[in-house]
Amino acid sequence: MIRTVSIVPAILTDNKQDYREQVERVNIFTRRVQIDVSDGQFAPAQTLDVTNVWWPKNWEADLHMMVMKPSEHLDTILKLSPSLCIFHAEAGEDLLPSFQVLKDAGIKVGVALLPSTFPGNVKHYIDAADHVLIFAGQIGVQGAPADMMQMEKIPLVRNMKPEVEIGWDGGANITNIRALAHADLDVINVGAAISRSSNPAQAFQDLVAEIDKNGVVL
């Protein structure tokens, strides 16, 4: 049986005006959005700082924090109050205390796994998380190709914690969206395939339609 899969547009930029324009574009056709924040240390490129991030009140915002020291950003995250905040298992500190602070505030927590990270090695984070993000692209960059071998992590995570929400981030587009949708994922985050389209709303609808097509040939 195929799970219900959500297509979630991702916003990544280092420019305030571009950020506003991306927010306005995706606000037309969706309410769940992933906002990518990089500190320039965990990932080579630095994005708009989390203190400059905002979103419409009706959004279900997923905050993807590509940062070395998650605890240093907690005060800002608590003020923003996203629906979900995702930290990387490979960050430079123990995530569990930060997870607890966010959970106490009613914010769901997620752990992201870079391609080199084996799920079994971070089971303590997966056990504590509401969401596990399988990262399969190039950290801090939109438009990089997907490493489809990362799909092998999905059943490992599902067997470890059957009820956890599993997301995919990296290289999702019209050519691979059906394969990803059939892989027991709950969320597929899409960056460049939507943000770089001349018609983002149509690109989003095309991805949804591709998932909904009948047939088993992938």
N, C-alpha and C. Protein backbone atom coordinates (compact mmCIF):
# COMPACT_ATOMS: atom_id res chain seq x y z
N MET A 1 0.84 -1.20 0.00
CA MET A 1 0.00 0.00 0.00
C MET A 1 0.88 1.25 0.00
N ILE A 2 0.53 2.24 -0.81
CA ILE A 2 1.27 3.48 -0.89
C ILE A 2 0.76 4.43 0.20
N ARG A 3 1.66 4.98 0.96
CA ARG A 3 1.29 5.95 1.98
C ARG A 3 0.88 7.26 1.31
N THR A 4 0.09 8.06 2.02
CA THR A 4 -0.21 9.40 1.55
C THR A 4 1.04 10.26 1.67
N VAL A 5 1.46 10.84 0.57
CA VAL A 5 2.72 11.59 0.54
C VAL A 5 2.43 13.08 0.34
N SER A 6 3.09 13.90 1.13
CA SER A 6 2.96 15.35 1.00
C SER A 6 4.14 15.91 0.23
N ILE A 7 3.85 16.72 -0.78
CA ILE A 7 4.89 17.47 -1.48
C ILE A 7 5.05 18.81 -0.76
N VAL A 8 6.25 19.06 -0.25
CA VAL A 8 6.50 20.26 0.55
C VAL A 8 7.56 21.11 -0.13
N PRO A 9 7.20 22.28 -0.64
CA PRO A 9 8.21 23.17 -1.24
C PRO A 9 9.24 23.62 -0.20
N ALA A 10 10.48 23.79 -0.65
CA ALA A 10 11.55 24.23 0.23
C ALA A 10 12.04 25.60 -0.21
N ILE A 11 12.30 26.45 0.78
CA ILE A 11 12.83 27.79 0.52
C ILE A 11 14.26 27.86 1.06
N LEU A 12 15.19 28.25 0.19
CA LEU A 12 16.59 28.42 0.58
C LEU A 12 17.14 29.64 -0.15
N THR A 13 17.57 30.63 0.60
CA THR A 13 18.11 31.84 -0.02
C THR A 13 18.94 32.61 1.00
N ASP A 14 19.81 33.49 0.51
CA ASP A 14 20.58 34.36 1.40
C ASP A 14 20.16 35.81 1.26
N ASN A 15 19.00 36.03 0.61
CA ASN A 15 18.57 37.38 0.27
C ASN A 15 17.16 37.65 0.81
N LYS A 16 17.00 38.74 1.55
CA LYS A 16 15.70 39.04 2.16
C LYS A 16 14.60 39.24 1.13
N GLN A 17 14.89 39.95 0.04
CA GLN A 17 13.88 40.19 -0.97
C GLN A 17 13.49 38.92 -1.68
N ASP A 18 14.47 38.08 -2.00
CA ASP A 18 14.19 36.81 -2.64
C ASP A 18 13.38 35.92 -1.71
N TYR A 19 13.69 35.96 -0.42
CA TYR A 19 12.93 35.18 0.55
C TYR A 19 11.46 35.59 0.53
N ARG A 20 11.22 36.89 0.58
CA ARG A 20 9.84 37.39 0.56
C ARG A 20 9.12 36.94 -0.73
N GLU A 21 9.81 37.04 -1.86
CA GLU A 21 9.19 36.65 -3.12
C GLU A 21 8.86 35.16 -3.15
N GLN A 22 9.77 34.34 -2.62
CA GLN A 22 9.50 32.89 -2.58
C GLN A 22 8.31 32.58 -1.67
N VAL A 23 8.25 33.25 -0.53
CA VAL A 23 7.11 33.07 0.39
C VAL A 23 5.81 33.41 -0.32
N GLU A 24 5.80 34.54 -1.01
CA GLU A 24 4.58 34.98 -1.69
C GLU A 24 4.17 34.01 -2.80
N ARG A 25 5.15 33.45 -3.51
CA ARG A 25 4.84 32.52 -4.60
C ARG A 25 4.22 31.23 -4.06
N VAL A 26 4.87 30.62 -3.07
CA VAL A 26 4.37 29.31 -2.61
C VAL A 26 3.10 29.46 -1.77
N ASN A 27 2.88 30.63 -1.21
CA ASN A 27 1.67 30.85 -0.41
C ASN A 27 0.40 30.72 -1.23
N ILE A 28 0.54 30.82 -2.54
CA ILE A 28 -0.62 30.71 -3.43
C ILE A 28 -1.16 29.28 -3.47
N PHE A 29 -0.26 28.29 -3.34
CA PHE A 29 -0.70 26.92 -3.61
C PHE A 29 -0.43 25.90 -2.50
N THR A 30 0.18 26.30 -1.39
CA THR A 30 0.40 25.33 -0.32
C THR A 30 0.48 26.03 1.01
N ARG A 31 0.34 25.24 2.09
CA ARG A 31 0.44 25.79 3.44
C ARG A 31 1.56 25.13 4.24
N ARG A 32 2.07 23.99 3.77
CA ARG A 32 3.22 23.38 4.44
C ARG A 32 4.47 23.64 3.61
N VAL A 33 5.46 24.24 4.25
CA VAL A 33 6.68 24.65 3.56
C VAL A 33 7.89 24.34 4.45
N GLN A 34 8.98 23.89 3.84
CA GLN A 34 10.23 23.73 4.57
C GLN A 34 11.11 24.95 4.33
N ILE A 35 11.61 25.54 5.41
CA ILE A 35 12.49 26.69 5.32
C ILE A 35 13.88 26.24 5.73
N ASP A 36 14.83 26.35 4.81
CA ASP A 36 16.19 25.89 5.03
C ASP A 36 17.07 27.03 5.55
N VAL A 37 17.74 26.77 6.65
CA VAL A 37 18.64 27.76 7.25
C VAL A 37 20.01 27.12 7.43
N SER A 38 21.05 27.77 6.93
CA SER A 38 22.42 27.29 7.06
C SER A 38 23.30 28.37 7.68
N ASP A 39 24.17 27.96 8.62
CA ASP A 39 25.01 28.93 9.32
C ASP A 39 26.35 29.19 8.64
N GLY A 40 26.59 28.53 7.49
CA GLY A 40 27.86 28.72 6.80
C GLY A 40 29.00 27.93 7.40
N GLN A 41 28.72 27.16 8.44
CA GLN A 41 29.71 26.31 9.08
C GLN A 41 29.37 24.83 8.87
N PHE A 42 28.16 24.47 9.20
CA PHE A 42 27.73 23.09 8.98
C PHE A 42 27.68 22.79 7.48
N ALA A 43 27.17 23.75 6.73
CA ALA A 43 27.16 23.68 5.26
C ALA A 43 28.00 24.84 4.74
N PRO A 44 28.66 24.66 3.59
CA PRO A 44 29.56 25.70 3.08
C PRO A 44 28.88 27.04 2.83
N ALA A 45 27.67 27.00 2.28
CA ALA A 45 26.97 28.24 1.95
C ALA A 45 26.15 28.72 3.14
N GLN A 46 26.10 30.03 3.32
CA GLN A 46 25.28 30.61 4.38
C GLN A 46 24.01 31.18 3.79
N THR A 47 22.90 30.88 4.42
CA THR A 47 21.60 31.39 3.98
C THR A 47 21.22 32.61 4.81
N LEU A 48 20.03 33.09 4.57
CA LEU A 48 19.44 34.11 5.43
C LEU A 48 19.46 33.59 6.86
N ASP A 49 19.89 34.42 7.80
CA ASP A 49 19.96 34.00 9.19
C ASP A 49 18.55 33.74 9.74
N VAL A 50 18.46 32.81 10.68
CA VAL A 50 17.14 32.44 11.21
C VAL A 50 16.44 33.63 11.87
N THR A 51 17.21 34.63 12.32
CA THR A 51 16.58 35.81 12.92
C THR A 51 15.83 36.65 11.89
N ASN A 52 16.08 36.41 10.60
CA ASN A 52 15.39 37.13 9.53
C ASN A 52 14.29 36.31 8.88
N VAL A 53 14.05 35.12 9.41
CA VAL A 53 13.04 34.22 8.85
C VAL A 53 11.66 34.57 9.42
N TRP A 54 10.65 34.44 8.58
CA TRP A 54 9.26 34.63 8.99
C TRP A 54 8.38 33.85 8.02
N TRP A 55 7.11 33.70 8.34
CA TRP A 55 6.17 33.06 7.42
C TRP A 55 4.74 33.45 7.79
N PRO A 56 3.81 33.30 6.86
CA PRO A 56 2.41 33.62 7.14
C PRO A 56 1.86 32.77 8.30
N LYS A 57 0.96 33.35 9.07
CA LYS A 57 0.44 32.68 10.27
C LYS A 57 -0.28 31.37 9.96
N ASN A 58 -0.80 31.24 8.73
CA ASN A 58 -1.56 30.04 8.41
C ASN A 58 -0.68 28.90 7.90
N TRP A 59 0.62 29.09 7.89
CA TRP A 59 1.52 28.05 7.41
C TRP A 59 1.80 26.99 8.46
N GLU A 60 2.05 25.78 7.99
CA GLU A 60 2.64 24.72 8.79
C GLU A 60 4.11 24.70 8.39
N ALA A 61 4.93 25.41 9.12
CA ALA A 61 6.32 25.62 8.73
C ALA A 61 7.25 24.56 9.34
N ASP A 62 8.04 23.94 8.47
CA ASP A 62 9.10 23.03 8.89
C ASP A 62 10.42 23.80 8.79
N LEU A 63 11.10 23.96 9.90
CA LEU A 63 12.35 24.71 9.93
C LEU A 63 13.51 23.72 9.92
N HIS A 64 14.27 23.71 8.81
CA HIS A 64 15.40 22.79 8.63
C HIS A 64 16.68 23.55 8.96
N MET A 65 17.24 23.26 10.12
CA MET A 65 18.38 24.01 10.64
C MET A 65 19.68 23.26 10.36
N MET A 66 20.40 23.72 9.34
CA MET A 66 21.70 23.15 8.99
C MET A 66 22.77 23.96 9.73
N VAL A 67 22.87 23.69 11.03
CA VAL A 67 23.74 24.49 11.90
C VAL A 67 24.60 23.58 12.76
N MET A 68 25.76 24.11 13.14
CA MET A 68 26.70 23.34 13.94
C MET A 68 26.29 23.28 15.41
N LYS A 69 25.71 24.38 15.92
CA LYS A 69 25.36 24.46 17.33
C LYS A 69 23.86 24.79 17.48
N PRO A 70 23.00 23.78 17.39
CA PRO A 70 21.55 24.02 17.49
C PRO A 70 21.13 24.79 18.73
N SER A 71 21.77 24.54 19.87
CA SER A 71 21.36 25.18 21.12
C SER A 71 21.48 26.70 21.06
N GLU A 72 22.39 27.21 20.23
CA GLU A 72 22.57 28.66 20.13
C GLU A 72 21.40 29.36 19.43
N HIS A 73 20.55 28.59 18.77
CA HIS A 73 19.44 29.16 18.00
C HIS A 73 18.08 28.94 18.66
N LEU A 74 18.07 28.31 19.82
CA LEU A 74 16.80 27.91 20.43
C LEU A 74 15.90 29.09 20.76
N ASP A 75 16.45 30.19 21.27
CA ASP A 75 15.61 31.33 21.63
C ASP A 75 14.84 31.86 20.42
N THR A 76 15.53 31.97 19.29
CA THR A 76 14.87 32.45 18.07
C THR A 76 13.83 31.46 17.58
N ILE A 77 14.16 30.18 17.62
CA ILE A 77 13.23 29.14 17.15
C ILE A 77 11.97 29.14 18.01
N LEU A 78 12.14 29.28 19.31
CA LEU A 78 10.98 29.31 20.21
C LEU A 78 10.07 30.49 19.89
N LYS A 79 10.66 31.63 19.55
CA LYS A 79 9.85 32.81 19.19
C LYS A 79 9.11 32.59 17.87
N LEU A 80 9.76 31.93 16.93
CA LEU A 80 9.14 31.66 15.64
C LEU A 80 8.03 30.63 15.76
N SER A 81 8.22 29.66 16.65
CA SER A 81 7.26 28.59 16.90
C SER A 81 6.84 27.84 15.63
N PRO A 82 7.80 27.20 14.96
CA PRO A 82 7.44 26.38 13.79
C PRO A 82 6.66 25.15 14.21
N SER A 83 6.02 24.52 13.26
CA SER A 83 5.35 23.26 13.55
C SER A 83 6.37 22.17 13.84
N LEU A 84 7.47 22.22 13.09
CA LEU A 84 8.52 21.20 13.18
C LEU A 84 9.87 21.87 13.04
N CYS A 85 10.83 21.45 13.85
CA CYS A 85 12.21 21.94 13.71
C CYS A 85 13.13 20.73 13.56
N ILE A 86 13.94 20.75 12.49
CA ILE A 86 14.82 19.64 12.16
C ILE A 86 16.27 20.06 12.36
N PHE A 87 17.00 19.27 13.14
CA PHE A 87 18.43 19.44 13.30
C PHE A 87 19.15 18.25 12.70
N HIS A 88 20.43 18.42 12.36
CA HIS A 88 21.20 17.33 11.78
C HIS A 88 21.87 16.48 12.85
N ALA A 89 21.82 15.18 12.63
CA ALA A 89 22.48 14.24 13.55
C ALA A 89 23.97 14.52 13.65
N GLU A 90 24.53 15.11 12.60
CA GLU A 90 25.97 15.34 12.53
C GLU A 90 26.39 16.68 13.13
N ALA A 91 25.47 17.40 13.76
CA ALA A 91 25.80 18.69 14.38
C ALA A 91 26.86 18.49 15.46
N GLY A 92 27.46 19.58 15.89
CA GLY A 92 28.60 19.49 16.81
C GLY A 92 28.24 19.41 18.27
N GLU A 93 27.01 19.02 18.60
CA GLU A 93 26.62 18.86 20.00
C GLU A 93 25.48 17.87 20.11
N ASP A 94 25.23 17.40 21.32
CA ASP A 94 24.14 16.47 21.59
C ASP A 94 22.81 17.17 21.30
N LEU A 95 21.97 16.53 20.48
CA LEU A 95 20.69 17.13 20.11
C LEU A 95 19.60 16.93 21.17
N LEU A 96 19.75 15.95 22.03
CA LEU A 96 18.65 15.59 22.92
C LEU A 96 18.21 16.73 23.85
N PRO A 97 19.13 17.50 24.44
CA PRO A 97 18.66 18.63 25.26
C PRO A 97 17.87 19.66 24.46
N SER A 98 18.30 19.95 23.24
CA SER A 98 17.56 20.90 22.40
C SER A 98 16.21 20.33 22.00
N PHE A 99 16.18 19.04 21.69
CA PHE A 99 14.90 18.39 21.40
C PHE A 99 13.92 18.61 22.55
N GLN A 100 14.39 18.40 23.76
CA GLN A 100 13.50 18.49 24.92
C GLN A 100 12.96 19.89 25.12
N VAL A 101 13.80 20.90 24.91
CA VAL A 101 13.36 22.29 25.03
C VAL A 101 12.23 22.56 24.04
N LEU A 102 12.40 22.10 22.80
CA LEU A 102 11.39 22.34 21.78
C LEU A 102 10.11 21.56 22.06
N LYS A 103 10.27 20.31 22.48
CA LYS A 103 9.09 19.50 22.80
C LYS A 103 8.28 20.13 23.93
N ASP A 104 8.98 20.63 24.94
CA ASP A 104 8.29 21.27 26.06
C ASP A 104 7.48 22.49 25.62
N ALA A 105 7.89 23.08 24.50
CA ALA A 105 7.18 24.24 23.95
C ALA A 105 6.13 23.84 22.93
N GLY A 106 5.93 22.55 22.73
CA GLY A 106 4.91 22.07 21.79
C GLY A 106 5.35 22.06 20.35
N ILE A 107 6.66 22.09 20.11
CA ILE A 107 7.20 22.07 18.76
C ILE A 107 7.71 20.65 18.45
N LYS A 108 7.28 20.08 17.34
CA LYS A 108 7.76 18.76 16.94
C LYS A 108 9.23 18.85 16.55
N VAL A 109 9.96 17.75 16.75
CA VAL A 109 11.39 17.75 16.46
C VAL A 109 11.72 16.69 15.42
N GLY A 110 12.72 17.01 14.61
CA GLY A 110 13.16 16.08 13.59
C GLY A 110 14.67 15.97 13.56
N VAL A 111 15.15 14.84 13.05
CA VAL A 111 16.58 14.65 12.88
C VAL A 111 16.85 14.35 11.41
N ALA A 112 17.83 15.05 10.84
CA ALA A 112 18.21 14.86 9.44
C ALA A 112 19.49 14.04 9.38
N LEU A 113 19.56 13.13 8.40
CA LEU A 113 20.70 12.25 8.23
C LEU A 113 21.39 12.54 6.91
N LEU A 114 22.64 12.96 6.97
CA LEU A 114 23.43 13.14 5.75
C LEU A 114 23.71 11.78 5.11
N PRO A 115 24.08 11.75 3.82
CA PRO A 115 24.27 10.47 3.12
C PRO A 115 25.22 9.50 3.81
N SER A 116 26.21 10.00 4.50
CA SER A 116 27.19 9.11 5.13
C SER A 116 26.75 8.56 6.49
N THR A 117 25.60 9.01 6.98
CA THR A 117 25.15 8.60 8.31
C THR A 117 24.22 7.39 8.24
N PHE A 118 24.59 6.33 8.95
CA PHE A 118 23.79 5.12 9.02
C PHE A 118 22.74 5.27 10.12
N PRO A 119 21.47 5.01 9.83
CA PRO A 119 20.42 5.22 10.83
C PRO A 119 20.67 4.53 12.17
N GLY A 120 21.21 3.33 12.12
CA GLY A 120 21.44 2.60 13.37
C GLY A 120 22.41 3.28 14.30
N ASN A 121 23.28 4.13 13.75
CA ASN A 121 24.26 4.82 14.58
C ASN A 121 23.68 6.01 15.32
N VAL A 122 22.48 6.44 14.94
CA VAL A 122 21.84 7.59 15.60
C VAL A 122 20.44 7.21 16.09
N LYS A 123 20.30 5.96 16.51
CA LYS A 123 19.00 5.46 16.94
C LYS A 123 18.44 6.28 18.11
N HIS A 124 19.32 6.78 18.97
CA HIS A 124 18.84 7.56 20.12
C HIS A 124 18.15 8.84 19.67
N TYR A 125 18.60 9.41 18.56
CA TYR A 125 17.93 10.60 18.02
C TYR A 125 16.62 10.22 17.33
N ILE A 126 16.64 9.14 16.57
CA ILE A 126 15.43 8.69 15.88
C ILE A 126 14.35 8.33 16.89
N ASP A 127 14.73 7.67 17.98
CA ASP A 127 13.76 7.32 19.02
C ASP A 127 13.10 8.55 19.61
N ALA A 128 13.83 9.65 19.68
CA ALA A 128 13.31 10.88 20.29
C ALA A 128 12.57 11.78 19.31
N ALA A 129 12.69 11.49 18.01
CA ALA A 129 12.19 12.41 16.98
C ALA A 129 10.76 12.10 16.55
N ASP A 130 10.10 13.15 16.07
CA ASP A 130 8.78 13.02 15.43
C ASP A 130 8.94 12.85 13.92
N HIS A 131 10.11 13.22 13.41
CA HIS A 131 10.35 13.26 11.96
C HIS A 131 11.81 12.89 11.71
N VAL A 132 12.05 12.07 10.69
CA VAL A 132 13.40 11.75 10.25
C VAL A 132 13.53 12.18 8.80
N LEU A 133 14.52 13.03 8.53
CA LEU A 133 14.73 13.56 7.19
C LEU A 133 15.91 12.84 6.54
N ILE A 134 15.62 12.12 5.45
CA ILE A 134 16.66 11.46 4.68
C ILE A 134 17.22 12.49 3.70
N PHE A 135 18.46 12.93 3.94
CA PHE A 135 19.05 13.95 3.07
C PHE A 135 19.83 13.27 1.96
N ALA A 136 19.53 13.64 0.72
CA ALA A 136 20.09 12.93 -0.43
C ALA A 136 20.63 13.86 -1.50
N GLY A 137 20.86 15.12 -1.14
CA GLY A 137 21.37 16.07 -2.11
C GLY A 137 22.72 16.61 -1.70
N GLN A 138 22.95 17.87 -2.01
CA GLN A 138 24.19 18.56 -1.61
C GLN A 138 23.82 19.58 -0.55
N ILE A 139 24.40 19.44 0.61
CA ILE A 139 23.99 20.25 1.76
C ILE A 139 24.11 21.75 1.47
N GLY A 140 23.00 22.46 1.70
CA GLY A 140 22.98 23.90 1.52
C GLY A 140 22.82 24.39 0.10
N VAL A 141 22.53 23.46 -0.84
CA VAL A 141 22.43 23.81 -2.26
C VAL A 141 21.16 23.21 -2.84
N GLN A 142 20.41 24.01 -3.58
CA GLN A 142 19.26 23.48 -4.32
C GLN A 142 19.67 23.13 -5.74
N GLY A 143 19.06 22.08 -6.28
CA GLY A 143 19.30 21.72 -7.67
C GLY A 143 20.31 20.61 -7.87
N ALA A 144 20.93 20.13 -6.80
CA ALA A 144 21.88 19.02 -6.93
C ALA A 144 21.10 17.74 -7.21
N PRO A 145 21.69 16.77 -7.93
CA PRO A 145 20.99 15.52 -8.22
C PRO A 145 20.74 14.71 -6.95
N ALA A 146 19.70 13.91 -6.99
CA ALA A 146 19.36 13.05 -5.86
C ALA A 146 20.22 11.81 -5.84
N ASP A 147 20.71 11.45 -4.68
CA ASP A 147 21.38 10.17 -4.47
C ASP A 147 20.30 9.15 -4.11
N MET A 148 19.77 8.46 -5.12
CA MET A 148 18.64 7.56 -4.91
C MET A 148 19.00 6.36 -4.04
N MET A 149 20.29 6.08 -3.86
CA MET A 149 20.69 5.00 -2.97
C MET A 149 20.28 5.27 -1.52
N GLN A 150 20.03 6.54 -1.22
CA GLN A 150 19.61 6.88 0.14
C GLN A 150 18.23 6.30 0.48
N MET A 151 17.50 5.86 -0.53
CA MET A 151 16.21 5.23 -0.28
C MET A 151 16.35 3.97 0.57
N GLU A 152 17.53 3.37 0.57
CA GLU A 152 17.75 2.16 1.36
C GLU A 152 17.61 2.45 2.86
N LYS A 153 17.73 3.69 3.27
CA LYS A 153 17.59 4.04 4.68
C LYS A 153 16.13 4.03 5.14
N ILE A 154 15.21 4.20 4.20
CA ILE A 154 13.81 4.36 4.57
C ILE A 154 13.28 3.15 5.35
N PRO A 155 13.43 1.90 4.84
CA PRO A 155 12.93 0.76 5.63
C PRO A 155 13.67 0.58 6.94
N LEU A 156 14.94 0.97 6.99
CA LEU A 156 15.69 0.85 8.25
C LEU A 156 15.08 1.76 9.31
N VAL A 157 14.77 3.00 8.91
CA VAL A 157 14.14 3.94 9.85
C VAL A 157 12.73 3.47 10.20
N ARG A 158 11.98 3.00 9.21
CA ARG A 158 10.60 2.58 9.45
C ARG A 158 10.55 1.39 10.41
N ASN A 159 11.48 0.47 10.26
CA ASN A 159 11.52 -0.68 11.18
C ASN A 159 11.93 -0.26 12.59
N MET A 160 12.75 0.77 12.66
CA MET A 160 13.22 1.26 13.95
C MET A 160 12.11 1.97 14.72
N LYS A 161 11.31 2.77 13.97
CA LYS A 161 10.23 3.53 14.60
C LYS A 161 9.09 3.65 13.60
N PRO A 162 8.18 2.68 13.57
CA PRO A 162 7.15 2.62 12.52
C PRO A 162 6.28 3.87 12.40
N GLU A 163 6.03 4.55 13.50
CA GLU A 163 5.10 5.68 13.46
C GLU A 163 5.75 7.00 13.09
N VAL A 164 7.07 7.06 12.97
CA VAL A 164 7.73 8.33 12.72
C VAL A 164 7.44 8.83 11.31
N GLU A 165 7.35 10.13 11.17
CA GLU A 165 7.19 10.73 9.84
C GLU A 165 8.56 10.75 9.18
N ILE A 166 8.62 10.25 7.93
CA ILE A 166 9.89 10.21 7.21
C ILE A 166 9.83 11.14 6.02
N GLY A 167 10.82 12.01 5.93
CA GLY A 167 10.89 12.95 4.82
C GLY A 167 12.12 12.72 3.96
N TRP A 168 12.07 13.26 2.75
CA TRP A 168 13.18 13.18 1.79
C TRP A 168 13.54 14.58 1.37
N ASP A 169 14.84 14.85 1.32
CA ASP A 169 15.30 16.18 0.90
C ASP A 169 16.50 16.00 -0.01
N GLY A 170 16.38 16.49 -1.26
CA GLY A 170 17.49 16.44 -2.19
C GLY A 170 17.15 15.88 -3.55
N GLY A 171 17.10 16.75 -4.54
CA GLY A 171 17.00 16.31 -5.93
C GLY A 171 15.66 15.78 -6.39
N ALA A 172 14.61 15.96 -5.61
CA ALA A 172 13.29 15.47 -6.03
C ALA A 172 12.78 16.32 -7.20
N ASN A 173 12.29 15.65 -8.25
CA ASN A 173 11.77 16.35 -9.42
C ASN A 173 10.78 15.45 -10.15
N ILE A 174 10.31 15.90 -11.29
CA ILE A 174 9.26 15.17 -12.01
C ILE A 174 9.73 13.80 -12.49
N THR A 175 11.04 13.59 -12.63
CA THR A 175 11.55 12.32 -13.14
C THR A 175 11.64 11.24 -12.07
N ASN A 176 11.70 11.64 -10.81
CA ASN A 176 11.86 10.62 -9.76
C ASN A 176 10.80 10.67 -8.67
N ILE A 177 9.85 11.60 -8.80
CA ILE A 177 8.88 11.80 -7.72
C ILE A 177 8.00 10.56 -7.49
N ARG A 178 7.67 9.82 -8.55
CA ARG A 178 6.84 8.62 -8.36
C ARG A 178 7.61 7.53 -7.64
N ALA A 179 8.86 7.35 -8.00
CA ALA A 179 9.68 6.35 -7.32
C ALA A 179 9.79 6.68 -5.83
N LEU A 180 9.99 7.95 -5.51
CA LEU A 180 10.08 8.36 -4.12
C LEU A 180 8.75 8.17 -3.40
N ALA A 181 7.66 8.48 -4.09
CA ALA A 181 6.34 8.35 -3.47
C ALA A 181 5.99 6.90 -3.15
N HIS A 182 6.59 5.96 -3.89
CA HIS A 182 6.35 4.54 -3.66
C HIS A 182 7.32 3.94 -2.64
N ALA A 183 8.13 4.76 -2.03
CA ALA A 183 9.21 4.25 -1.18
C ALA A 183 8.91 4.37 0.32
N ASP A 184 7.63 4.49 0.68
CA ASP A 184 7.23 4.53 2.09
C ASP A 184 7.64 5.83 2.79
N LEU A 185 7.70 6.90 2.02
CA LEU A 185 7.94 8.22 2.58
C LEU A 185 6.61 8.89 2.95
N ASP A 186 6.67 9.85 3.85
CA ASP A 186 5.50 10.66 4.19
C ASP A 186 5.58 12.05 3.58
N VAL A 187 6.81 12.56 3.44
CA VAL A 187 7.03 13.92 2.97
C VAL A 187 8.15 13.91 1.93
N ILE A 188 7.95 14.62 0.83
CA ILE A 188 9.02 14.84 -0.14
C ILE A 188 9.20 16.34 -0.28
N ASN A 189 10.34 16.82 0.19
CA ASN A 189 10.64 18.25 0.07
C ASN A 189 11.20 18.53 -1.31
N VAL A 190 10.71 19.57 -1.94
CA VAL A 190 11.12 19.90 -3.31
C VAL A 190 11.62 21.33 -3.36
N GLY A 191 12.85 21.51 -3.80
CA GLY A 191 13.44 22.84 -3.89
C GLY A 191 13.42 23.38 -5.30
N ALA A 192 14.51 23.13 -6.05
CA ALA A 192 14.71 23.75 -7.36
C ALA A 192 13.61 23.44 -8.36
N ALA A 193 13.05 22.23 -8.32
CA ALA A 193 12.02 21.85 -9.30
C ALA A 193 10.80 22.75 -9.21
N ILE A 194 10.61 23.39 -8.06
CA ILE A 194 9.52 24.35 -7.89
C ILE A 194 10.05 25.79 -7.94
N SER A 195 11.07 26.08 -7.15
CA SER A 195 11.53 27.47 -7.00
C SER A 195 12.12 28.04 -8.29
N ARG A 196 12.71 27.18 -9.13
CA ARG A 196 13.32 27.67 -10.37
C ARG A 196 12.39 27.55 -11.57
N SER A 197 11.18 27.12 -11.34
CA SER A 197 10.21 27.02 -12.43
C SER A 197 9.65 28.40 -12.77
N SER A 198 9.32 28.60 -14.04
CA SER A 198 8.69 29.86 -14.44
C SER A 198 7.26 29.95 -13.93
N ASN A 199 6.70 28.78 -13.55
CA ASN A 199 5.35 28.73 -12.99
C ASN A 199 5.37 27.76 -11.81
N PRO A 200 5.79 28.23 -10.62
CA PRO A 200 5.91 27.34 -9.47
C PRO A 200 4.63 26.60 -9.10
N ALA A 201 3.49 27.29 -9.21
CA ALA A 201 2.22 26.65 -8.87
C ALA A 201 1.93 25.47 -9.79
N GLN A 202 2.20 25.64 -11.09
CA GLN A 202 1.99 24.55 -12.04
C GLN A 202 2.98 23.42 -11.80
N ALA A 203 4.22 23.77 -11.49
CA ALA A 203 5.22 22.74 -11.19
C ALA A 203 4.81 21.91 -9.99
N PHE A 204 4.27 22.56 -8.98
CA PHE A 204 3.78 21.86 -7.80
C PHE A 204 2.64 20.91 -8.17
N GLN A 205 1.69 21.41 -8.95
CA GLN A 205 0.55 20.57 -9.35
C GLN A 205 1.00 19.42 -10.23
N ASP A 206 1.99 19.64 -11.08
CA ASP A 206 2.51 18.56 -11.94
C ASP A 206 3.13 17.45 -11.10
N LEU A 207 3.82 17.81 -10.04
CA LEU A 207 4.41 16.81 -9.15
C LEU A 207 3.33 16.01 -8.44
N VAL A 208 2.31 16.70 -7.96
CA VAL A 208 1.19 16.01 -7.30
C VAL A 208 0.50 15.07 -8.27
N ALA A 209 0.28 15.53 -9.49
CA ALA A 209 -0.38 14.70 -10.51
C ALA A 209 0.46 13.48 -10.86
N GLU A 210 1.76 13.65 -10.91
CA GLU A 210 2.65 12.53 -11.24
C GLU A 210 2.55 11.44 -10.18
N ILE A 211 2.46 11.83 -8.93
CA ILE A 211 2.30 10.85 -7.84
C ILE A 211 0.97 10.13 -7.97
N ASP A 212 -0.06 10.85 -8.38
CA ASP A 212 -1.41 10.29 -8.43
C ASP A 212 -1.69 9.43 -9.64
N LYS A 213 -0.74 9.36 -10.58
CA LYS A 213 -0.96 8.55 -11.79
C LYS A 213 -1.13 7.07 -11.43
N ASN A 214 -2.00 6.42 -12.18
CA ASN A 214 -2.18 4.98 -12.01
C ASN A 214 -1.05 4.24 -12.70
N GLY A 215 -0.84 3.00 -12.30
CA GLY A 215 0.19 2.19 -12.95
C GLY A 215 1.30 1.83 -11.99
N VAL A 216 2.04 0.79 -12.33
CA VAL A 216 3.09 0.31 -11.43
C VAL A 216 4.47 0.41 -12.05
N VAL A 217 4.57 0.86 -13.28
CA VAL A 217 5.87 0.96 -13.93
C VAL A 217 6.55 2.23 -13.45
N LEU A 218 7.69 2.09 -12.79
CA LEU A 218 8.38 3.23 -12.22
C LEU A 218 9.70 3.47 -12.93
